[in-house]
Amino acid sequence: MLRRVSRLLLAAPALSLALTLVACNGKATRAQCAEMLDRYVDMTISGDPTLADLSPEESRAAREMKRALRKAEPGYARVENQCESEISKREYRCAMKAPTPETWQACID
């Protein structure tokens, strides 16, 4: 009995590490997917040359309108659902650090 307890105690740190790794590298949550997709949409909108000559207020309003239009597209909900089932937390962290839409895309391809 003492050996069994000793083995369990020795295995506990390894089990804890395994659980931590699974938690850190599991699938992205719904909130993380929304945040990640918002970041992508914002990056693509900010590169829109038609916003360059607008005042800050006009630019903000135009960005919000473009963001709402993109989110209303039929494919957006599909991509959001696909994200939850396919994107890992590692891919999420990479995408959130990406400086451009192209590097964001490379994180999840």
PDB file of N, CA and C in Angstrom:
ATOM      1  N   MET A   1       0.822  -1.190   0.000  1.00  0.00           N
ATOM      2  CA  MET A   1       0.000   0.000   0.000  1.00  0.00           C
ATOM      3  C   MET A   1       0.872   1.264   0.000  1.00  0.00           C
ATOM      4  N   LEU A   2       1.924   1.256   0.768  1.00  0.00           N
ATOM      5  CA  LEU A   2       2.817   2.415   0.844  1.00  0.00           C
ATOM      6  C   LEU A   2       3.472   2.673  -0.517  1.00  0.00           C
ATOM      7  N   ARG A   3       3.833   1.594  -1.236  1.00  0.00           N
ATOM      8  CA  ARG A   3       4.423   1.747  -2.569  1.00  0.00           C
ATOM      9  C   ARG A   3       3.430   2.385  -3.531  1.00  0.00           C
ATOM     10  N   ARG A   4       2.184   1.976  -3.448  1.00  0.00           N
ATOM     11  CA  ARG A   4       1.155   2.516  -4.332  1.00  0.00           C
ATOM     12  C   ARG A   4       1.001   4.023  -4.106  1.00  0.00           C
ATOM     13  N   VAL A   5       0.964   4.442  -2.858  1.00  0.00           N
ATOM     14  CA  VAL A   5       0.852   5.863  -2.521  1.00  0.00           C
ATOM     15  C   VAL A   5       2.079   6.610  -3.008  1.00  0.00           C
ATOM     16  N   SER A   6       3.255   6.012  -2.825  1.00  0.00           N
ATOM     17  CA  SER A   6       4.493   6.660  -3.279  1.00  0.00           C
ATOM     18  C   SER A   6       4.482   6.865  -4.781  1.00  0.00           C
ATOM     19  N   ARG A   7       4.034   5.838  -5.531  1.00  0.00           N
ATOM     20  CA  ARG A   7       3.969   5.971  -6.988  1.00  0.00           C
ATOM     21  C   ARG A   7       2.986   7.059  -7.400  1.00  0.00           C
ATOM     22  N   LEU A   8       1.852   7.148  -6.717  1.00  0.00           N
ATOM     23  CA  LEU A   8       0.871   8.188  -7.023  1.00  0.00           C
ATOM     24  C   LEU A   8       1.440   9.577  -6.766  1.00  0.00           C
ATOM     25  N   LEU A   9       2.172   9.696  -5.656  1.00  0.00           N
ATOM     26  CA  LEU A   9       2.774  10.994  -5.339  1.00  0.00           C
ATOM     27  C   LEU A   9       3.841  11.371  -6.359  1.00  0.00           C
ATOM     28  N   LEU A  10       4.586  10.380  -6.829  1.00  0.00           N
ATOM     29  CA  LEU A  10       5.605  10.657  -7.839  1.00  0.00           C
ATOM     30  C   LEU A  10       4.968  10.991  -9.186  1.00  0.00           C
ATOM     31  N   ALA A  11       3.833  10.408  -9.479  1.00  0.00           N
ATOM     32  CA  ALA A  11       3.162  10.650 -10.752  1.00  0.00           C
ATOM     33  C   ALA A  11       2.382  11.965 -10.762  1.00  0.00           C
ATOM     34  N   ALA A  12       2.048  12.493  -9.605  1.00  0.00           N
ATOM     35  CA  ALA A  12       1.223  13.696  -9.524  1.00  0.00           C
ATOM     36  C   ALA A  12       1.827  14.891 -10.269  1.00  0.00           C
ATOM     37  N   PRO A  13       3.131  15.197 -10.124  1.00  0.00           N
ATOM     38  CA  PRO A  13       3.678  16.334 -10.879  1.00  0.00           C
ATOM     39  C   PRO A  13       3.593  16.127 -12.396  1.00  0.00           C
ATOM     40  N   ALA A  14       3.827  14.915 -12.847  1.00  0.00           N
ATOM     41  CA  ALA A  14       3.731  14.651 -14.288  1.00  0.00           C
ATOM     42  C   ALA A  14       2.299  14.819 -14.771  1.00  0.00           C
ATOM     43  N   LEU A  15       1.348  14.352 -13.995  1.00  0.00           N
ATOM     44  CA  LEU A  15      -0.062  14.506 -14.351  1.00  0.00           C
ATOM     45  C   LEU A  15      -0.446  15.978 -14.357  1.00  0.00           C
ATOM     46  N   SER A  16       0.026  16.707 -13.381  1.00  0.00           N
ATOM     47  CA  SER A  16      -0.253  18.145 -13.313  1.00  0.00           C
ATOM     48  C   SER A  16       0.308  18.867 -14.532  1.00  0.00           C
ATOM     49  N   LEU A  17       1.523  18.516 -14.918  1.00  0.00           N
ATOM     50  CA  LEU A  17       2.143  19.117 -16.096  1.00  0.00           C
ATOM     51  C   LEU A  17       1.345  18.779 -17.350  1.00  0.00           C
ATOM     52  N   ALA A  18       0.932  17.538 -17.483  1.00  0.00           N
ATOM     53  CA  ALA A  18       0.150  17.127 -18.656  1.00  0.00           C
ATOM     54  C   ALA A  18      -1.165  17.889 -18.725  1.00  0.00           C
ATOM     55  N   LEU A  19      -1.837  18.047 -17.596  1.00  0.00           N
ATOM     56  CA  LEU A  19      -3.097  18.794 -17.575  1.00  0.00           C
ATOM     57  C   LEU A  19      -2.877  20.255 -17.922  1.00  0.00           C
ATOM     58  N   THR A  20      -1.783  20.824 -17.454  1.00  0.00           N
ATOM     59  CA  THR A  20      -1.455  22.216 -17.772  1.00  0.00           C
ATOM     60  C   THR A  20      -1.204  22.373 -19.269  1.00  0.00           C
ATOM     61  N   LEU A  21      -0.472  21.444 -19.859  1.00  0.00           N
ATOM     62  CA  LEU A  21      -0.201  21.522 -21.289  1.00  0.00           C
ATOM     63  C   LEU A  21      -1.470  21.395 -22.109  1.00  0.00           C
ATOM     64  N   VAL A  22      -2.356  20.513 -21.714  1.00  0.00           N
ATOM     65  CA  VAL A  22      -3.623  20.362 -22.427  1.00  0.00           C
ATOM     66  C   VAL A  22      -4.433  21.647 -22.313  1.00  0.00           C
ATOM     67  N   ALA A  23      -4.477  22.244 -21.132  1.00  0.00           N
ATOM     68  CA  ALA A  23      -5.230  23.479 -20.932  1.00  0.00           C
ATOM     69  C   ALA A  23      -4.633  24.623 -21.750  1.00  0.00           C
ATOM     70  N   CYS A  24      -3.318  24.677 -21.845  1.00  0.00           N
ATOM     71  CA  CYS A  24      -2.662  25.761 -22.576  1.00  0.00           C
ATOM     72  C   CYS A  24      -2.739  25.580 -24.084  1.00  0.00           C
ATOM     73  N   ASN A  25      -2.841  24.350 -24.531  1.00  0.00           N
ATOM     74  CA  ASN A  25      -2.803  24.103 -25.966  1.00  0.00           C
ATOM     75  C   ASN A  25      -4.070  23.451 -26.482  1.00  0.00           C
ATOM     76  N   GLY A  26      -5.161  23.556 -25.746  1.00  0.00           N
ATOM     77  CA  GLY A  26      -6.434  23.028 -26.208  1.00  0.00           C
ATOM     78  C   GLY A  26      -7.009  23.919 -27.289  1.00  0.00           C
ATOM     79  N   LYS A  27      -8.285  23.825 -27.497  1.00  0.00           N
ATOM     80  CA  LYS A  27      -8.967  24.623 -28.516  1.00  0.00           C
ATOM     81  C   LYS A  27      -9.247  26.030 -27.992  1.00  0.00           C
ATOM     82  N   ALA A  28      -9.301  26.967 -28.913  1.00  0.00           N
ATOM     83  CA  ALA A  28      -9.650  28.346 -28.571  1.00  0.00           C
ATOM     84  C   ALA A  28     -11.107  28.398 -28.119  1.00  0.00           C
ATOM     85  N   THR A  29     -11.387  29.271 -27.186  1.00  0.00           N
ATOM     86  CA  THR A  29     -12.755  29.439 -26.697  1.00  0.00           C
ATOM     87  C   THR A  29     -13.546  30.335 -27.644  1.00  0.00           C
ATOM     88  N   ARG A  30     -14.844  30.402 -27.435  1.00  0.00           N
ATOM     89  CA  ARG A  30     -15.700  31.274 -28.249  1.00  0.00           C
ATOM     90  C   ARG A  30     -15.255  32.726 -28.113  1.00  0.00           C
ATOM     91  N   ALA A  31     -14.947  33.150 -26.902  1.00  0.00           N
ATOM     92  CA  ALA A  31     -14.499  34.531 -26.666  1.00  0.00           C
ATOM     93  C   ALA A  31     -13.164  34.792 -27.362  1.00  0.00           C
ATOM     94  N   GLN A  32     -12.245  33.835 -27.300  1.00  0.00           N
ATOM     95  CA  GLN A  32     -10.959  34.006 -27.963  1.00  0.00           C
ATOM     96  C   GLN A  32     -11.130  34.059 -29.477  1.00  0.00           C
ATOM     97  N   CYS A  33     -12.023  33.235 -30.011  1.00  0.00           N
ATOM     98  CA  CYS A  33     -12.283  33.261 -31.453  1.00  0.00           C
ATOM     99  C   CYS A  33     -12.838  34.619 -31.871  1.00  0.00           C
ATOM    100  N   ALA A  34     -13.773  35.145 -31.098  1.00  0.00           N
ATOM    101  CA  ALA A  34     -14.347  36.455 -31.415  1.00  0.00           C
ATOM    102  C   ALA A  34     -13.268  37.526 -31.376  1.00  0.00           C
ATOM    103  N   GLU A  35     -12.420  37.477 -30.362  1.00  0.00           N
ATOM    104  CA  GLU A  35     -11.337  38.456 -30.226  1.00  0.00           C
ATOM    105  C   GLU A  35     -10.352  38.343 -31.394  1.00  0.00           C
ATOM    106  N   MET A  36     -10.016  37.109 -31.755  1.00  0.00           N
ATOM    107  CA  MET A  36      -9.068  36.880 -32.829  1.00  0.00           C
ATOM    108  C   MET A  36      -9.629  37.345 -34.175  1.00  0.00           C
ATOM    109  N   LEU A  37     -10.893  37.040 -34.435  1.00  0.00           N
ATOM    110  CA  LEU A  37     -11.516  37.469 -35.693  1.00  0.00           C
ATOM    111  C   LEU A  37     -11.687  38.982 -35.740  1.00  0.00           C
ATOM    112  N   ASP A  38     -12.027  39.593 -34.605  1.00  0.00           N
ATOM    113  CA  ASP A  38     -12.122  41.057 -34.551  1.00  0.00           C
ATOM    114  C   ASP A  38     -10.781  41.692 -34.891  1.00  0.00           C
ATOM    115  N   ARG A  39      -9.711  41.102 -34.366  1.00  0.00           N
ATOM    116  CA  ARG A  39      -8.375  41.636 -34.648  1.00  0.00           C
ATOM    117  C   ARG A  39      -8.083  41.568 -36.147  1.00  0.00           C
ATOM    118  N   TYR A  40      -8.413  40.457 -36.774  1.00  0.00           N
ATOM    119  CA  TYR A  40      -8.179  40.310 -38.213  1.00  0.00           C
ATOM    120  C   TYR A  40      -8.988  41.342 -39.000  1.00  0.00           C
ATOM    121  N   VAL A  41     -10.263  41.466 -38.664  1.00  0.00           N
ATOM    122  CA  VAL A  41     -11.116  42.436 -39.359  1.00  0.00           C
ATOM    123  C   VAL A  41     -10.559  43.846 -39.174  1.00  0.00           C
ATOM    124  N   ASP A  42     -10.160  44.188 -37.956  1.00  0.00           N
ATOM    125  CA  ASP A  42      -9.598  45.518 -37.700  1.00  0.00           C
ATOM    126  C   ASP A  42      -8.324  45.754 -38.509  1.00  0.00           C
ATOM    127  N   MET A  43      -7.468  44.724 -38.583  1.00  0.00           N
ATOM    128  CA  MET A  43      -6.225  44.893 -39.362  1.00  0.00           C
ATOM    129  C   MET A  43      -6.517  45.104 -40.840  1.00  0.00           C
ATOM    130  N   THR A  44      -7.478  44.377 -41.381  1.00  0.00           N
ATOM    131  CA  THR A  44      -7.777  44.534 -42.803  1.00  0.00           C
ATOM    132  C   THR A  44      -8.461  45.871 -43.080  1.00  0.00           C
ATOM    133  N   ILE A  45      -9.280  46.319 -42.158  1.00  0.00           N
ATOM    134  CA  ILE A  45      -9.949  47.614 -42.329  1.00  0.00           C
ATOM    135  C   ILE A  45      -8.951  48.760 -42.213  1.00  0.00           C
ATOM    136  N   SER A  46      -8.030  48.655 -41.270  1.00  0.00           N
ATOM    137  CA  SER A  46      -7.082  49.752 -41.059  1.00  0.00           C
ATOM    138  C   SER A  46      -6.172  49.961 -42.266  1.00  0.00           C
ATOM    139  N   GLY A  47      -6.000  48.942 -43.078  1.00  0.00           N
ATOM    140  CA  GLY A  47      -5.195  49.081 -44.288  1.00  0.00           C
ATOM    141  C   GLY A  47      -5.965  49.604 -45.482  1.00  0.00           C
ATOM    142  N   ASP A  48      -7.232  49.941 -45.296  1.00  0.00           N
ATOM    143  CA  ASP A  48      -8.083  50.417 -46.380  1.00  0.00           C
ATOM    144  C   ASP A  48      -7.685  51.849 -46.743  1.00  0.00           C
ATOM    145  N   PRO A  49      -7.200  52.073 -47.960  1.00  0.00           N
ATOM    146  CA  PRO A  49      -6.744  53.415 -48.356  1.00  0.00           C
ATOM    147  C   PRO A  49      -7.868  54.451 -48.420  1.00  0.00           C
ATOM    148  N   THR A  50      -9.118  54.015 -48.517  1.00  0.00           N
ATOM    149  CA  THR A  50     -10.219  54.985 -48.584  1.00  0.00           C
ATOM    150  C   THR A  50     -10.435  55.691 -47.249  1.00  0.00           C
ATOM    151  N   LEU A  51      -9.860  55.178 -46.177  1.00  0.00           N
ATOM    152  CA  LEU A  51     -10.015  55.814 -44.868  1.00  0.00           C
ATOM    153  C   LEU A  51      -8.941  56.867 -44.582  1.00  0.00           C
ATOM    154  N   ALA A  52      -7.926  56.920 -45.420  1.00  0.00           N
ATOM    155  CA  ALA A  52      -6.772  57.777 -45.172  1.00  0.00           C
ATOM    156  C   ALA A  52      -7.110  59.264 -45.114  1.00  0.00           C
ATOM    157  N   ASP A  53      -8.029  59.726 -45.931  1.00  0.00           N
ATOM    158  CA  ASP A  53      -8.320  61.158 -46.005  1.00  0.00           C
ATOM    159  C   ASP A  53      -9.469  61.595 -45.101  1.00  0.00           C
ATOM    160  N   LEU A  54      -9.958  60.714 -44.265  1.00  0.00           N
ATOM    161  CA  LEU A  54     -11.078  61.056 -43.388  1.00  0.00           C
ATOM    162  C   LEU A  54     -10.581  61.643 -42.071  1.00  0.00           C
ATOM    163  N   SER A  55     -11.427  62.426 -41.441  1.00  0.00           N
ATOM    164  CA  SER A  55     -11.097  62.940 -40.112  1.00  0.00           C
ATOM    165  C   SER A  55     -11.114  61.763 -39.138  1.00  0.00           C
ATOM    166  N   PRO A  56     -10.533  61.914 -37.957  1.00  0.00           N
ATOM    167  CA  PRO A  56     -10.542  60.804 -36.989  1.00  0.00           C
ATOM    168  C   PRO A  56     -11.953  60.308 -36.663  1.00  0.00           C
ATOM    169  N   GLU A  57     -12.907  61.222 -36.537  1.00  0.00           N
ATOM    170  CA  GLU A  57     -14.287  60.829 -36.230  1.00  0.00           C
ATOM    171  C   GLU A  57     -14.910  60.069 -37.392  1.00  0.00           C
ATOM    172  N   GLU A  58     -14.695  60.585 -38.614  1.00  0.00           N
ATOM    173  CA  GLU A  58     -15.231  59.919 -39.800  1.00  0.00           C
ATOM    174  C   GLU A  58     -14.580  58.548 -40.002  1.00  0.00           C
ATOM    175  N   SER A  59     -13.292  58.490 -39.761  1.00  0.00           N
ATOM    176  CA  SER A  59     -12.564  57.237 -39.910  1.00  0.00           C
ATOM    177  C   SER A  59     -13.072  56.193 -38.910  1.00  0.00           C
ATOM    178  N   ARG A  60     -13.291  56.613 -37.676  1.00  0.00           N
ATOM    179  CA  ARG A  60     -13.806  55.708 -36.636  1.00  0.00           C
ATOM    180  C   ARG A  60     -15.190  55.194 -37.020  1.00  0.00           C
ATOM    181  N   ALA A  61     -16.053  56.090 -37.490  1.00  0.00           N
ATOM    182  CA  ALA A  61     -17.405  55.695 -37.896  1.00  0.00           C
ATOM    183  C   ALA A  61     -17.366  54.742 -39.093  1.00  0.00           C
ATOM    184  N   ALA A  62     -16.492  55.032 -40.051  1.00  0.00           N
ATOM    185  CA  ALA A  62     -16.374  54.172 -41.232  1.00  0.00           C
ATOM    186  C   ALA A  62     -15.847  52.796 -40.851  1.00  0.00           C
ATOM    187  N   ARG A  63     -14.867  52.750 -39.942  1.00  0.00           N
ATOM    188  CA  ARG A  63     -14.336  51.454 -39.488  1.00  0.00           C
ATOM    189  C   ARG A  63     -15.413  50.643 -38.785  1.00  0.00           C
ATOM    190  N   GLU A  64     -16.195  51.295 -37.939  1.00  0.00           N
ATOM    191  CA  GLU A  64     -17.265  50.582 -37.228  1.00  0.00           C
ATOM    192  C   GLU A  64     -18.322  50.062 -38.199  1.00  0.00           C
ATOM    193  N   MET A  65     -18.642  50.847 -39.212  1.00  0.00           N
ATOM    194  CA  MET A  65     -19.612  50.410 -40.210  1.00  0.00           C
ATOM    195  C   MET A  65     -19.064  49.212 -40.993  1.00  0.00           C
ATOM    196  N   LYS A  66     -17.794  49.296 -41.415  1.00  0.00           N
ATOM    197  CA  LYS A  66     -17.185  48.193 -42.152  1.00  0.00           C
ATOM    198  C   LYS A  66     -17.108  46.935 -41.282  1.00  0.00           C
ATOM    199  N   ARG A  67     -16.790  47.101 -39.998  1.00  0.00           N
ATOM    200  CA  ARG A  67     -16.724  45.964 -39.074  1.00  0.00           C
ATOM    201  C   ARG A  67     -18.104  45.305 -38.953  1.00  0.00           C
ATOM    202  N   ALA A  68     -19.145  46.117 -38.812  1.00  0.00           N
ATOM    203  CA  ALA A  68     -20.513  45.584 -38.698  1.00  0.00           C
ATOM    204  C   ALA A  68     -20.927  44.857 -39.975  1.00  0.00           C
ATOM    205  N   LEU A  69     -20.564  45.419 -41.130  1.00  0.00           N
ATOM    206  CA  LEU A  69     -20.896  44.766 -42.406  1.00  0.00           C
ATOM    207  C   LEU A  69     -20.202  43.412 -42.542  1.00  0.00           C
ATOM    208  N   ARG A  70     -18.944  43.359 -42.159  1.00  0.00           N
ATOM    209  CA  ARG A  70     -18.208  42.083 -42.257  1.00  0.00           C
ATOM    210  C   ARG A  70     -18.803  41.036 -41.317  1.00  0.00           C
ATOM    211  N   LYS A  71     -19.161  41.460 -40.120  1.00  0.00           N
ATOM    212  CA  LYS A  71     -19.731  40.513 -39.159  1.00  0.00           C
ATOM    213  C   LYS A  71     -21.110  40.031 -39.586  1.00  0.00           C
ATOM    214  N   ALA A  72     -21.789  40.812 -40.413  1.00  0.00           N
ATOM    215  CA  ALA A  72     -23.121  40.432 -40.885  1.00  0.00           C
ATOM    216  C   ALA A  72     -23.061  39.495 -42.096  1.00  0.00           C
ATOM    217  N   GLU A  73     -21.894  39.338 -42.683  1.00  0.00           N
ATOM    218  CA  GLU A  73     -21.753  38.443 -43.836  1.00  0.00           C
ATOM    219  C   GLU A  73     -22.048  37.007 -43.400  1.00  0.00           C
ATOM    220  N   PRO A  74     -22.685  36.224 -44.270  1.00  0.00           N
ATOM    221  CA  PRO A  74     -23.048  34.840 -43.914  1.00  0.00           C
ATOM    222  C   PRO A  74     -21.854  33.973 -43.503  1.00  0.00           C
ATOM    223  N   GLY A  75     -20.724  34.208 -44.107  1.00  0.00           N
ATOM    224  CA  GLY A  75     -19.557  33.388 -43.802  1.00  0.00           C
ATOM    225  C   GLY A  75     -18.931  33.664 -42.449  1.00  0.00           C
ATOM    226  N   TYR A  76     -19.214  34.825 -41.871  1.00  0.00           N
ATOM    227  CA  TYR A  76     -18.577  35.190 -40.610  1.00  0.00           C
ATOM    228  C   TYR A  76     -18.948  34.217 -39.490  1.00  0.00           C
ATOM    229  N   ALA A  77     -20.226  33.915 -39.337  1.00  0.00           N
ATOM    230  CA  ALA A  77     -20.658  32.981 -38.289  1.00  0.00           C
ATOM    231  C   ALA A  77     -20.076  31.594 -38.533  1.00  0.00           C
ATOM    232  N   ARG A  78     -19.991  31.202 -39.787  1.00  0.00           N
ATOM    233  CA  ARG A  78     -19.416  29.898 -40.120  1.00  0.00           C
ATOM    234  C   ARG A  78     -17.945  29.846 -39.707  1.00  0.00           C
ATOM    235  N   VAL A  79     -17.220  30.912 -40.011  1.00  0.00           N
ATOM    236  CA  VAL A  79     -15.802  30.974 -39.659  1.00  0.00           C
ATOM    237  C   VAL A  79     -15.644  30.989 -38.135  1.00  0.00           C
ATOM    238  N   GLU A  80     -16.517  31.702 -37.455  1.00  0.00           N
ATOM    239  CA  GLU A  80     -16.448  31.753 -35.990  1.00  0.00           C
ATOM    240  C   GLU A  80     -16.675  30.365 -35.389  1.00  0.00           C
ATOM    241  N   ASN A  81     -17.655  29.637 -35.893  1.00  0.00           N
ATOM    242  CA  ASN A  81     -17.915  28.279 -35.407  1.00  0.00           C
ATOM    243  C   ASN A  81     -16.764  27.337 -35.766  1.00  0.00           C
ATOM    244  N   GLN A  82     -16.227  27.484 -36.940  1.00  0.00           N
ATOM    245  CA  GLN A  82     -15.103  26.660 -37.370  1.00  0.00           C
ATOM    246  C   GLN A  82     -13.895  26.929 -36.484  1.00  0.00           C
ATOM    247  N   CYS A  83     -13.713  28.171 -36.109  1.00  0.00           N
ATOM    248  CA  CYS A  83     -12.611  28.543 -35.239  1.00  0.00           C
ATOM    249  C   CYS A  83     -12.662  27.749 -33.940  1.00  0.00           C
ATOM    250  N   GLU A  84     -13.825  27.708 -33.320  1.00  0.00           N
ATOM    251  CA  GLU A  84     -13.967  27.005 -32.038  1.00  0.00           C
ATOM    252  C   GLU A  84     -13.622  25.527 -32.140  1.00  0.00           C
ATOM    253  N   SER A  85     -13.893  24.926 -33.268  1.00  0.00           N
ATOM    254  CA  SER A  85     -13.644  23.494 -33.385  1.00  0.00           C
ATOM    255  C   SER A  85     -12.254  23.165 -33.927  1.00  0.00           C
ATOM    256  N   GLU A  86     -11.574  24.136 -34.543  1.00  0.00           N
ATOM    257  CA  GLU A  86     -10.318  23.815 -35.214  1.00  0.00           C
ATOM    258  C   GLU A  86      -9.093  24.587 -34.731  1.00  0.00           C
ATOM    259  N   ILE A  87      -9.267  25.756 -34.168  1.00  0.00           N
ATOM    260  CA  ILE A  87      -8.109  26.596 -33.831  1.00  0.00           C
ATOM    261  C   ILE A  87      -7.612  26.278 -32.422  1.00  0.00           C
ATOM    262  N   SER A  88      -6.315  26.038 -32.327  1.00  0.00           N
ATOM    263  CA  SER A  88      -5.711  25.750 -31.023  1.00  0.00           C
ATOM    264  C   SER A  88      -5.386  27.057 -30.301  1.00  0.00           C
ATOM    265  N   LYS A  89      -5.152  26.934 -29.024  1.00  0.00           N
ATOM    266  CA  LYS A  89      -4.765  28.128 -28.262  1.00  0.00           C
ATOM    267  C   LYS A  89      -3.410  28.639 -28.710  1.00  0.00           C
ATOM    268  N   ARG A  90      -2.560  27.759 -29.188  1.00  0.00           N
ATOM    269  CA  ARG A  90      -1.261  28.181 -29.715  1.00  0.00           C
ATOM    270  C   ARG A  90      -1.471  29.051 -30.962  1.00  0.00           C
ATOM    271  N   GLU A  91      -2.359  28.613 -31.857  1.00  0.00           N
ATOM    272  CA  GLU A  91      -2.657  29.396 -33.061  1.00  0.00           C
ATOM    273  C   GLU A  91      -3.300  30.727 -32.682  1.00  0.00           C
ATOM    274  N   TYR A  92      -4.171  30.702 -31.680  1.00  0.00           N
ATOM    275  CA  TYR A  92      -4.804  31.937 -31.194  1.00  0.00           C
ATOM    276  C   TYR A  92      -3.740  32.921 -30.706  1.00  0.00           C
ATOM    277  N   ARG A  93      -2.816  32.440 -29.874  1.00  0.00           N
ATOM    278  CA  ARG A  93      -1.777  33.336 -29.335  1.00  0.00           C
ATOM    279  C   ARG A  93      -0.923  33.907 -30.460  1.00  0.00           C
ATOM    280  N   CYS A  94      -0.597  33.078 -31.441  1.00  0.00           N
ATOM    281  CA  CYS A  94       0.186  33.542 -32.590  1.00  0.00           C
ATOM    282  C   CYS A  94      -0.578  34.627 -33.348  1.00  0.00           C
ATOM    283  N   ALA A  95      -1.849  34.371 -33.634  1.00  0.00           N
ATOM    284  CA  ALA A  95      -2.661  35.329 -34.396  1.00  0.00           C
ATOM    285  C   ALA A  95      -2.816  36.647 -33.650  1.00  0.00           C
ATOM    286  N   MET A  96      -2.931  36.590 -32.348  1.00  0.00           N
ATOM    287  CA  MET A  96      -3.110  37.819 -31.567  1.00  0.00           C
ATOM    288  C   MET A  96      -1.843  38.669 -31.538  1.00  0.00           C
ATOM    289  N   LYS A  97      -0.689  38.054 -31.782  1.00  0.00           N
ATOM    290  CA  LYS A  97       0.576  38.801 -31.824  1.00  0.00           C
ATOM    291  C   LYS A  97       0.924  39.262 -33.237  1.00  0.00           C
ATOM    292  N   ALA A  98       0.231  38.738 -34.236  1.00  0.00           N
ATOM    293  CA  ALA A  98       0.566  39.013 -35.633  1.00  0.00           C
ATOM    294  C   ALA A  98       0.418  40.505 -35.952  1.00  0.00           C
ATOM    295  N   PRO A  99       1.422  41.083 -36.602  1.00  0.00           N
ATOM    296  CA  PRO A  99       1.354  42.509 -36.929  1.00  0.00           C
ATOM    297  C   PRO A  99       0.603  42.836 -38.210  1.00  0.00           C
ATOM    298  N   THR A 100       0.392  41.831 -39.064  1.00  0.00           N
ATOM    299  CA  THR A 100      -0.281  42.071 -40.346  1.00  0.00           C
ATOM    300  C   THR A 100      -1.305  40.978 -40.612  1.00  0.00           C
ATOM    301  N   PRO A 101      -2.269  41.240 -41.491  1.00  0.00           N
ATOM    302  CA  PRO A 101      -3.219  40.187 -41.853  1.00  0.00           C
ATOM    303  C   PRO A 101      -2.542  38.948 -42.435  1.00  0.00           C
ATOM    304  N   GLU A 102      -1.455  39.151 -43.164  1.00  0.00           N
ATOM    305  CA  GLU A 102      -0.753  38.022 -43.768  1.00  0.00           C
ATOM    306  C   GLU A 102      -0.093  37.130 -42.710  1.00  0.00           C
ATOM    307  N   THR A 103       0.530  37.746 -41.718  1.00  0.00           N
ATOM    308  CA  THR A 103       1.140  36.933 -40.658  1.00  0.00           C
ATOM    309  C   THR A 103       0.058  36.307 -39.784  1.00  0.00           C
ATOM    310  N   TRP A 104      -1.060  36.997 -39.601  1.00  0.00           N
ATOM    311  CA  TRP A 104      -2.204  36.433 -38.858  1.00  0.00           C
ATOM    312  C   TRP A 104      -2.661  35.162 -39.568  1.00  0.00           C
ATOM    313  N   GLN A 105      -2.833  35.241 -40.881  1.00  0.00           N
ATOM    314  CA  GLN A 105      -3.284  34.096 -41.669  1.00  0.00           C
ATOM    315  C   GLN A 105      -2.292  32.948 -41.576  1.00  0.00           C
ATOM    316  N   ALA A 106      -1.006  33.265 -41.606  1.00  0.00           N
ATOM    317  CA  ALA A 106       0.035  32.222 -41.530  1.00  0.00           C
ATOM    318  C   ALA A 106      -0.045  31.466 -40.197  1.00  0.00           C
ATOM    319  N   CYS A 107      -0.499  32.119 -39.155  1.00  0.00           N
ATOM    320  CA  CYS A 107      -0.621  31.476 -37.851  1.00  0.00           C
ATOM    321  C   CYS A 107      -1.652  30.349 -37.860  1.00  0.00           C
ATOM    322  N   ILE A 108      -2.671  30.485 -38.670  1.00  0.00           N
ATOM    323  CA  ILE A 108      -3.765  29.504 -38.626  1.00  0.00           C
ATOM    324  C   ILE A 108      -3.824  28.607 -39.858  1.00  0.00           C
ATOM    325  N   ASP A 109      -2.937  28.805 -40.811  1.00  0.00           N
ATOM    326  CA  ASP A 109      -2.901  27.935 -42.005  1.00  0.00           C
ATOM    327  C   ASP A 109      -2.167  26.652 -41.721  1.00  0.00           C
TER     328      ASP A 109
END
